[in-house]
Amino acid sequence: MPDQRPVTTCDVTVIGGGLAGKAASLHLAKAGLKTVCIDPADTSRQPVGESLDWSTPDLLGNLGLSLDDVLARRIGTLKRRVVVKSREGQTEEYFPFSWFSRPPFNLEIRTLHVDRTRMDEELRKKAIDSGATLVRDKVVRVERTGKHISSVHTASGEQFSSPWFIDASGFATALLAREFQLRAVDYGPAKVAVWDYFPVSDPIEATTVYVEPESPEYLDWIWEIPVSAGVVSVGYVAAGAAVKAKREQGFTLKEIFRHRLMRFSRFQSLLETATLDELNVTSFRSRVHLGVAGPNWLIAGEAACMMDPITANGVTAALRHAEESCGLILKYRKRNKLSLRARVSYGRRVAQLAGFFNSGVENLVYQPQVRNRLGMGGSAGAYISPAWGVNVLYARFKPNGLFSTMLLMFLTEFSRACQWILYRCCKSLSQSSVKAS
């Protein structure tokens, strides 16, 4: 018998209720569009992305969540700088350039660390209050004609039909990327992140990264992020192969995490009373999908690209994708179809920025050649300065057409070429030193 269940219709169907999905739903509902957000409500994974880039406060402000409001309600803490510390006690500090705050940029040079659970819940409430409908279900099938999507079906048997669709289903699902078999570009190996939360009495207004800079191997590192008053998030990131090798030797994740933290005096006292019974764990691989826009659909957030956590750019990317994809839907709403130029421009911006950040941090920070030649401080500075510059230019000039996107591509490709030349030079010098010895 044919399915007799009614079809739910709306203006936009948002697939996934993560950060990008909630932000998109809020933008669309505020603009007066009937929006349905389908979210499977998987609570097995703690949300990550607690250290925000300097472009993020403006993006949050556009959603009605200002920096001052976040601080006043204790959803987050101030982040004024990035600190890199070595095991030997060496410290490098990086502050945003003072000209960020002057015309023509006028950028807020403060940013945030946030309690992601509380921030995500706040955005969910705002989206619902603005008129978005949240459906607890999972999309399992896409109904389409060629590249044009007509509806989606959920695990419970419901069908949702709309002129427009946004896929914010996340890294693991990437629904439309799989449906249309979009090509993915990977950056670096698969990695594992393990983290927990500790009470402290002396949080600082900085994201702190702990490393061992002289290691000839692929970098692993520890983060410390003060997510709220008296609480820090502490996480360990390493290549998946390295963690797998430790597990095969009989070590548990708890033992690996504890052993790594104990190398730094900062965490020794924190671990004395910590039980580490419920560690948060996730695996990921930095990547970007190509062609993330179709005639009536766009992909946003981690479903479009996975940013390496050391870049602190994941939240910025998710909010930026949500804002831009909603802007395109509003612009082309009456046509019921994105122009080819709009599709290409959106896809190239997503791919270009993700490629710039991910390839830069892989070549300059994770790989040992530049790090061992310039030191951790030098390699981090070689990455951070152009990364901040690109984000500031993007935030202030907001490229949204083909011409402005081409200018962005030229800027990022030039910077990537400089980074690649630096990487090759350091690699050649390292090989020459090995041969000479």
Protein backbone atom coordinates (compact mmCIF):
# COMPACT_ATOMS: atom_id res chain seq x y z
CA MET A 1 0.00 0.00 0.00
CA PRO A 2 1.28 3.52 -0.72
CA ASP A 3 2.38 5.64 2.23
CA GLN A 4 -0.65 7.54 3.47
CA ARG A 5 1.19 9.81 5.89
CA PRO A 6 0.80 13.51 5.16
CA VAL A 7 3.71 15.52 3.80
CA THR A 8 4.92 18.40 5.95
CA THR A 9 5.64 21.47 3.84
CA CYS A 10 7.68 24.52 4.74
CA ASP A 11 9.89 27.17 3.13
CA VAL A 12 13.22 25.68 4.21
CA THR A 13 14.18 22.29 5.62
CA VAL A 14 17.33 22.34 7.74
CA ILE A 15 18.90 18.91 8.20
CA GLY A 16 20.79 18.72 11.49
CA GLY A 17 20.47 20.73 14.68
CA GLY A 18 24.10 21.32 15.51
CA LEU A 19 25.65 24.77 15.66
CA ALA A 20 25.30 25.48 11.92
CA GLY A 21 21.77 24.06 11.85
CA LYS A 22 20.56 26.12 14.79
CA ALA A 23 22.18 29.28 13.44
CA ALA A 24 20.63 28.75 9.99
CA SER A 25 17.20 28.06 11.50
CA LEU A 26 17.43 31.23 13.57
CA HIS A 27 18.46 33.40 10.60
CA LEU A 28 15.65 32.01 8.42
CA ALA A 29 12.95 32.22 11.09
CA LYS A 30 13.89 35.81 11.90
CA ALA A 31 13.52 36.60 8.19
CA GLY A 32 9.95 35.26 8.26
CA LEU A 33 10.47 31.93 6.50
CA LYS A 34 8.67 28.83 7.73
CA THR A 35 11.61 26.70 8.82
CA VAL A 36 11.76 23.10 9.99
CA CYS A 37 14.96 21.83 11.60
CA ILE A 38 15.25 18.02 11.73
CA ASP A 39 17.63 16.93 14.46
CA PRO A 40 18.22 13.36 15.68
CA ALA A 41 19.12 14.74 19.15
CA ASP A 42 22.19 12.54 19.50
CA THR A 43 23.58 13.50 22.90
CA SER A 44 26.35 10.90 22.91
CA ARG A 45 28.94 13.45 21.83
CA GLN A 46 29.85 16.49 23.89
CA PRO A 47 29.92 19.58 21.63
CA VAL A 48 33.40 20.93 20.96
CA GLY A 49 34.67 24.26 19.68
CA GLU A 50 35.11 26.18 22.93
CA SER A 51 37.89 28.55 21.84
CA LEU A 52 36.54 31.04 19.32
CA ASP A 53 38.27 32.94 16.56
CA TRP A 54 38.28 36.76 16.56
CA SER A 55 35.69 36.84 13.77
CA THR A 56 33.12 34.95 15.84
CA PRO A 57 31.70 37.71 18.11
CA ASP A 58 30.23 39.60 15.14
CA LEU A 59 28.65 36.40 13.81
CA LEU A 60 27.13 35.65 17.21
CA GLY A 61 25.97 39.25 17.48
CA ASN A 62 24.02 38.83 14.23
CA LEU A 63 22.18 35.99 15.96
CA GLY A 64 21.28 38.16 18.93
CA LEU A 65 24.00 36.84 21.23
CA SER A 66 26.44 39.67 21.89
CA LEU A 67 29.87 39.31 23.48
CA ASP A 68 28.81 41.36 26.51
CA ASP A 69 25.66 39.26 26.89
CA VAL A 70 27.68 36.02 26.82
CA LEU A 71 29.99 37.37 29.51
CA ALA A 72 27.21 38.80 31.69
CA ARG A 73 25.30 35.50 31.65
CA ARG A 74 28.49 33.52 32.24
CA ILE A 75 28.06 31.45 29.11
CA GLY A 76 31.72 32.11 28.35
CA THR A 77 34.88 33.96 29.31
CA LEU A 78 37.11 36.49 27.58
CA LYS A 79 39.87 35.35 25.24
CA ARG A 80 42.43 38.09 24.66
CA ARG A 81 45.36 36.05 23.35
CA VAL A 82 46.80 32.65 22.44
CA VAL A 83 49.60 31.20 24.58
CA VAL A 84 51.93 28.41 23.44
CA LYS A 85 53.90 26.64 26.18
CA SER A 86 56.59 24.00 25.89
CA ARG A 87 57.42 21.24 28.34
CA GLU A 88 60.64 23.06 29.20
CA GLY A 89 58.68 26.12 30.32
CA GLN A 90 59.19 28.34 27.27
CA THR A 91 56.20 30.59 26.56
CA GLU A 92 55.09 32.46 23.44
CA GLU A 93 52.10 34.80 23.48
CA TYR A 94 50.14 35.98 20.45
CA PHE A 95 47.83 38.99 20.54
CA PRO A 96 45.55 40.23 17.75
CA PHE A 97 47.08 43.15 15.86
CA SER A 98 46.03 46.52 17.24
CA TRP A 99 45.07 47.74 13.76
CA PHE A 100 42.19 45.22 13.83
CA SER A 101 40.28 47.69 15.98
CA ARG A 102 40.92 50.74 13.75
CA PRO A 103 39.17 51.80 10.50
CA PRO A 104 38.37 50.36 8.04
CA PHE A 105 38.17 47.09 10.02
CA ASN A 106 36.82 48.26 13.40
CA LEU A 107 37.00 44.68 14.65
CA GLU A 108 36.44 43.74 18.27
CA ILE A 109 39.85 42.49 19.39
CA ARG A 110 38.35 40.53 22.24
CA THR A 111 36.81 37.16 21.63
CA LEU A 112 35.44 34.31 23.71
CA HIS A 113 35.85 30.92 25.24
CA VAL A 114 32.40 29.41 25.62
CA ASP A 115 30.55 26.63 27.38
CA ARG A 116 29.28 25.04 24.18
CA THR A 117 26.43 23.17 25.84
CA ARG A 118 25.00 26.41 27.24
CA MET A 119 25.65 28.43 24.08
CA ASP A 120 24.05 25.80 21.85
CA GLU A 121 21.02 25.63 24.13
CA GLU A 122 20.68 29.43 24.01
CA LEU A 123 20.72 29.42 20.20
CA ARG A 124 18.17 26.59 20.15
CA LYS A 125 15.80 28.62 22.33
CA LYS A 126 16.27 31.70 20.18
CA ALA A 127 15.50 29.72 17.02
CA ILE A 128 12.30 28.27 18.50
CA ASP A 129 11.23 31.64 19.91
CA SER A 130 11.72 33.14 16.43
CA GLY A 131 9.31 30.60 14.93
CA ALA A 132 11.50 27.71 13.77
CA THR A 133 10.08 24.23 14.28
CA LEU A 134 12.39 21.57 15.76
CA VAL A 135 11.61 17.96 14.84
CA ARG A 136 13.35 15.14 16.73
CA ASP A 137 14.03 12.67 13.93
CA LYS A 138 16.73 11.53 11.53
CA VAL A 139 16.75 12.05 7.77
CA VAL A 140 17.40 8.71 6.06
CA ARG A 141 16.45 9.33 2.44
CA VAL A 142 16.53 12.18 -0.05
CA GLU A 143 13.98 12.44 -2.83
CA ARG A 144 15.29 14.31 -5.85
CA THR A 145 15.17 14.79 -9.57
CA GLY A 146 18.73 15.10 -10.81
CA LYS A 147 20.37 17.60 -8.50
CA HIS A 148 17.11 19.24 -7.46
CA ILE A 149 15.81 18.03 -4.07
CA SER A 150 12.05 17.82 -3.60
CA SER A 151 11.75 16.26 -0.14
CA VAL A 152 13.44 14.21 2.55
CA HIS A 153 12.21 11.19 4.49
CA THR A 154 12.95 10.46 8.14
CA ALA A 155 13.46 7.30 10.16
CA SER A 156 9.96 7.58 11.62
CA GLY A 157 8.42 7.63 8.15
CA GLU A 158 7.70 11.37 7.96
CA GLN A 159 8.23 13.31 4.73
CA PHE A 160 9.25 16.97 4.57
CA SER A 161 8.93 18.97 1.38
CA SER A 162 10.21 22.49 0.74
CA PRO A 163 11.68 24.66 -2.03
CA TRP A 164 15.00 24.94 -0.16
CA PHE A 165 17.27 22.67 1.91
CA ILE A 166 20.31 23.25 4.11
CA ASP A 167 22.41 20.27 5.11
CA ALA A 168 24.00 20.84 8.51
CA SER A 169 24.07 17.15 9.42
CA GLY A 170 27.65 17.19 10.68
CA PHE A 171 30.98 15.56 9.96
CA ALA A 172 29.92 11.94 10.49
CA THR A 173 26.70 12.10 8.46
CA ALA A 174 27.43 14.62 5.68
CA LEU A 175 24.10 13.61 4.15
CA LEU A 176 24.08 15.55 0.89
CA ALA A 177 27.81 15.12 0.29
CA ARG A 178 27.19 11.36 0.33
CA GLU A 179 23.96 11.64 -1.67
CA PHE A 180 25.64 13.55 -4.49
CA GLN A 181 29.02 11.78 -4.06
CA LEU A 182 30.92 15.04 -3.65
CA ARG A 183 34.69 14.79 -3.76
CA ALA A 184 36.47 15.40 -0.45
CA VAL A 185 39.98 16.80 0.01
CA ASP A 186 41.72 15.57 3.17
CA TYR A 187 44.40 17.42 5.13
CA GLY A 188 46.70 15.39 7.34
CA PRO A 189 45.99 12.03 9.00
CA ALA A 190 42.98 11.01 11.05
CA LYS A 191 43.24 12.36 14.60
CA VAL A 192 41.75 11.63 17.99
CA ALA A 193 40.75 14.21 20.60
CA VAL A 194 40.27 13.24 24.26
CA TRP A 195 39.15 15.84 26.80
CA ASP A 196 37.68 16.48 30.23
CA TYR A 197 36.81 19.41 32.52
CA PHE A 198 38.68 20.47 35.67
CA PRO A 199 37.93 22.98 38.45
CA VAL A 200 40.58 25.70 38.78
CA SER A 201 41.07 28.83 40.83
CA ASP A 202 43.27 30.74 38.37
CA PRO A 203 41.84 30.74 34.83
CA ILE A 204 43.47 33.21 32.42
CA GLU A 205 42.02 35.17 29.53
CA ALA A 206 43.80 33.05 26.92
CA THR A 207 43.66 29.77 25.07
CA THR A 208 46.80 27.87 26.05
CA VAL A 209 48.41 25.19 23.88
CA TYR A 210 51.01 22.85 25.39
CA VAL A 211 53.56 21.19 23.08
CA GLU A 212 56.98 19.59 22.95
CA PRO A 213 58.50 21.65 20.13
CA GLU A 214 61.66 19.65 19.38
CA SER A 215 59.86 16.40 18.64
CA PRO A 216 60.87 15.07 15.19
CA GLU A 217 57.52 13.37 14.88
CA TYR A 218 54.04 14.53 13.94
CA LEU A 219 52.80 16.99 16.56
CA ASP A 220 50.47 16.06 19.38
CA TRP A 221 49.30 18.80 21.70
CA ILE A 222 47.17 19.72 24.70
CA TRP A 223 44.64 22.52 24.99
CA GLU A 224 43.53 24.42 28.08
CA ILE A 225 40.44 26.58 27.64
CA PRO A 226 38.67 28.45 30.50
CA VAL A 227 35.07 27.79 29.46
CA SER A 228 33.49 29.39 32.53
CA ALA A 229 34.44 30.87 35.87
CA GLY A 230 36.49 28.25 37.69
CA VAL A 231 36.28 25.55 35.01
CA VAL A 232 38.76 24.70 32.26
CA SER A 233 38.45 22.31 29.35
CA VAL A 234 41.64 20.26 28.92
CA GLY A 235 42.08 18.12 25.83
CA TYR A 236 44.72 16.02 24.11
CA VAL A 237 44.94 15.74 20.31
CA ALA A 238 47.11 13.16 18.56
CA ALA A 239 47.28 11.27 15.29
CA GLY A 240 44.90 8.33 15.28
CA ALA A 241 47.70 5.90 14.39
CA ALA A 242 49.70 6.95 17.46
CA VAL A 243 46.71 6.45 19.76
CA LYS A 244 45.94 3.11 18.14
CA ALA A 245 49.54 1.94 18.71
CA LYS A 246 49.25 2.83 22.40
CA ARG A 247 45.95 0.98 22.69
CA GLU A 248 47.49 -2.11 21.07
CA GLN A 249 50.20 -2.00 23.74
CA GLY A 250 47.48 -2.35 26.35
CA PHE A 251 47.03 1.28 27.45
CA THR A 252 43.53 2.61 28.04
CA LEU A 253 42.47 6.06 26.84
CA LYS A 254 42.40 7.19 30.44
CA GLU A 255 46.01 6.09 30.92
CA ILE A 256 47.13 7.72 27.66
CA PHE A 257 45.41 10.98 28.60
CA ARG A 258 46.75 11.04 32.14
CA HIS A 259 50.30 10.14 31.09
CA ARG A 260 50.39 12.89 28.49
CA LEU A 261 49.10 15.55 30.87
CA MET A 262 51.51 14.55 33.62
CA ARG A 263 54.42 15.69 31.45
CA PHE A 264 53.42 19.29 32.15
CA SER A 265 53.61 20.67 35.68
CA ARG A 266 50.44 22.70 35.13
CA PHE A 267 48.27 19.56 35.15
CA GLN A 268 49.97 17.51 37.84
CA SER A 269 48.00 19.08 40.68
CA LEU A 270 44.75 18.95 38.67
CA LEU A 271 45.16 15.22 38.12
CA GLU A 272 45.76 14.43 41.80
CA THR A 273 42.05 14.55 42.58
CA ALA A 274 40.60 13.85 39.10
CA THR A 275 38.90 10.50 38.47
CA LEU A 276 38.67 10.81 34.66
CA ASP A 277 35.78 8.35 34.61
CA GLU A 278 33.83 9.93 31.75
CA LEU A 279 36.32 11.20 29.20
CA ASN A 280 34.96 12.77 26.04
CA VAL A 281 36.42 11.24 22.88
CA THR A 282 36.00 11.97 19.19
CA SER A 283 37.89 11.07 16.03
CA PHE A 284 38.06 13.30 12.98
CA ARG A 285 39.98 14.15 9.86
CA SER A 286 40.40 17.68 8.53
CA ARG A 287 38.73 17.86 5.14
CA VAL A 288 36.57 19.90 2.80
CA HIS A 289 33.94 18.81 0.30
CA LEU A 290 33.91 20.40 -3.13
CA GLY A 291 30.72 21.67 -4.78
CA VAL A 292 28.70 22.19 -1.59
CA ALA A 293 25.82 24.03 -3.27
CA GLY A 294 23.19 22.85 -5.72
CA PRO A 295 20.11 24.31 -7.41
CA ASN A 296 18.06 24.44 -4.20
CA TRP A 297 20.40 23.18 -1.47
CA LEU A 298 23.52 24.21 0.40
CA ILE A 299 25.80 22.41 2.84
CA ALA A 300 27.01 24.16 5.99
CA GLY A 301 29.20 23.51 9.03
CA GLU A 302 31.13 20.29 9.50
CA ALA A 303 29.06 18.60 6.78
CA ALA A 304 30.82 20.98 4.37
CA CYS A 305 34.26 21.10 5.96
CA MET A 306 36.00 19.88 9.08
CA MET A 307 38.38 22.42 10.57
CA ASP A 308 41.32 21.23 12.64
CA PRO A 309 40.70 22.23 16.29
CA ILE A 310 44.09 23.92 16.64
CA THR A 311 42.91 26.57 14.14
CA ALA A 312 40.06 27.65 16.50
CA ASN A 313 38.07 28.20 13.31
CA GLY A 314 35.36 25.55 13.50
CA VAL A 315 32.71 27.72 15.16
CA THR A 316 33.51 30.65 12.87
CA ALA A 317 33.12 28.41 9.80
CA ALA A 318 29.80 26.97 11.00
CA LEU A 319 28.29 30.40 11.78
CA ARG A 320 29.67 31.90 8.58
CA HIS A 321 28.26 29.09 6.42
CA ALA A 322 24.87 29.44 8.11
CA GLU A 323 24.76 33.20 7.56
CA GLU A 324 25.88 33.02 3.93
CA SER A 325 23.64 30.10 2.94
CA CYS A 326 20.59 31.82 4.46
CA GLY A 327 21.50 35.04 2.67
CA LEU A 328 21.57 33.20 -0.66
CA ILE A 329 18.19 31.57 0.00
CA LEU A 330 16.66 34.96 0.81
CA LYS A 331 18.22 36.50 -2.29
CA TYR A 332 17.06 33.79 -4.70
CA ARG A 333 13.85 32.83 -2.93
CA LYS A 334 11.53 34.08 -5.65
CA ARG A 335 13.48 32.25 -8.36
CA ASN A 336 13.36 28.94 -6.43
CA LYS A 337 16.85 28.23 -7.74
CA LEU A 338 20.37 29.45 -7.09
CA SER A 339 22.24 30.85 -10.03
CA LEU A 340 25.28 28.92 -11.21
CA ARG A 341 27.47 31.87 -10.23
CA ALA A 342 26.08 31.86 -6.67
CA ARG A 343 26.60 28.10 -6.33
CA VAL A 344 30.17 28.22 -7.59
CA SER A 345 31.05 31.25 -5.45
CA TYR A 346 29.70 29.74 -2.23
CA GLY A 347 31.42 26.41 -2.87
CA ARG A 348 34.74 28.05 -3.67
CA ARG A 349 34.66 30.25 -0.56
CA VAL A 350 34.00 27.24 1.66
CA ALA A 351 36.74 25.18 0.02
CA GLN A 352 39.25 28.00 -0.15
CA LEU A 353 39.06 29.05 3.48
CA ALA A 354 39.06 25.48 4.80
CA GLY A 355 42.01 24.61 2.57
CA PHE A 356 43.92 27.69 3.66
CA PHE A 357 43.56 27.05 7.40
CA ASN A 358 43.95 23.27 7.31
CA SER A 359 46.88 23.08 4.90
CA GLY A 360 48.67 25.95 6.65
CA VAL A 361 48.49 24.37 10.08
CA GLU A 362 49.51 20.96 8.68
CA ASN A 363 52.62 22.25 6.90
CA LEU A 364 53.76 24.83 9.44
CA VAL A 365 52.76 23.33 12.79
CA TYR A 366 51.93 19.63 12.68
CA GLN A 367 54.74 18.52 10.37
CA PRO A 368 58.18 18.65 12.04
CA GLN A 369 60.21 20.35 9.27
CA VAL A 370 59.24 24.00 9.87
CA ARG A 371 58.65 23.47 13.59
CA ASN A 372 62.12 22.06 14.22
CA ARG A 373 63.83 24.66 12.03
CA LEU A 374 62.08 27.80 13.37
CA GLY A 375 61.02 26.50 16.77
CA MET A 376 57.43 26.14 17.90
CA GLY A 377 57.06 29.88 18.42
CA GLY A 378 58.33 30.70 14.94
CA SER A 379 56.19 28.12 13.17
CA ALA A 380 53.10 29.13 15.15
CA GLY A 381 53.73 32.80 14.30
CA ALA A 382 54.15 31.94 10.61
CA TYR A 383 50.70 30.39 10.68
CA ILE A 384 48.82 32.69 13.08
CA SER A 385 49.66 36.06 11.47
CA PRO A 386 48.29 35.32 7.95
CA ALA A 387 45.40 33.33 9.45
CA TRP A 388 44.28 36.31 11.51
CA GLY A 389 44.74 38.60 8.52
CA VAL A 390 42.59 36.47 6.21
CA ASN A 391 39.82 36.16 8.80
CA VAL A 392 39.77 39.91 9.41
CA LEU A 393 39.60 40.73 5.70
CA TYR A 394 36.83 38.19 5.20
CA ALA A 395 34.87 39.44 8.20
CA ARG A 396 34.98 43.07 7.11
CA PHE A 397 34.61 42.83 3.32
CA LYS A 398 32.25 39.83 3.26
CA PRO A 399 32.92 38.42 -0.23
CA ASN A 400 29.67 37.08 -1.68
CA GLY A 401 29.98 37.44 -5.46
CA LEU A 402 32.17 35.82 -8.06
CA PHE A 403 34.61 38.72 -8.35
CA SER A 404 35.11 39.15 -4.59
CA THR A 405 35.45 35.37 -4.25
CA MET A 406 38.17 35.38 -6.91
CA LEU A 407 40.03 38.08 -4.96
CA LEU A 408 39.74 35.93 -1.82
CA MET A 409 41.09 32.94 -3.75
CA PHE A 410 44.06 34.96 -4.98
CA LEU A 411 44.87 36.16 -1.46
CA THR A 412 44.63 32.73 0.15
CA GLU A 413 46.47 30.96 -2.69
CA PHE A 414 49.31 33.47 -2.48
CA SER A 415 49.55 32.90 1.28
CA ARG A 416 49.40 29.12 0.82
CA ALA A 417 52.18 29.33 -1.77
CA CYS A 418 54.37 31.25 0.69
CA GLN A 419 53.66 28.67 3.38
CA TRP A 420 54.48 25.83 0.98
CA ILE A 421 57.77 27.47 -0.04
CA LEU A 422 58.71 27.87 3.63
CA TYR A 423 57.84 24.23 4.25
CA ARG A 424 59.90 23.00 1.27
CA CYS A 425 62.89 25.13 2.21
CA CYS A 426 62.88 23.87 5.80
CA LYS A 427 62.46 20.31 4.58
CA SER A 428 65.41 20.65 2.19
CA LEU A 429 67.58 22.15 4.93
CA SER A 430 66.64 19.32 7.28
CA GLN A 431 67.54 16.72 4.66
CA SER A 432 70.86 18.45 3.97
CA SER A 433 71.66 18.48 7.70
CA VAL A 434 70.91 14.75 7.98
CA LYS A 435 73.18 13.96 5.00
CA ALA A 436 75.98 16.16 6.37
CA SER A 437 75.87 14.42 9.74
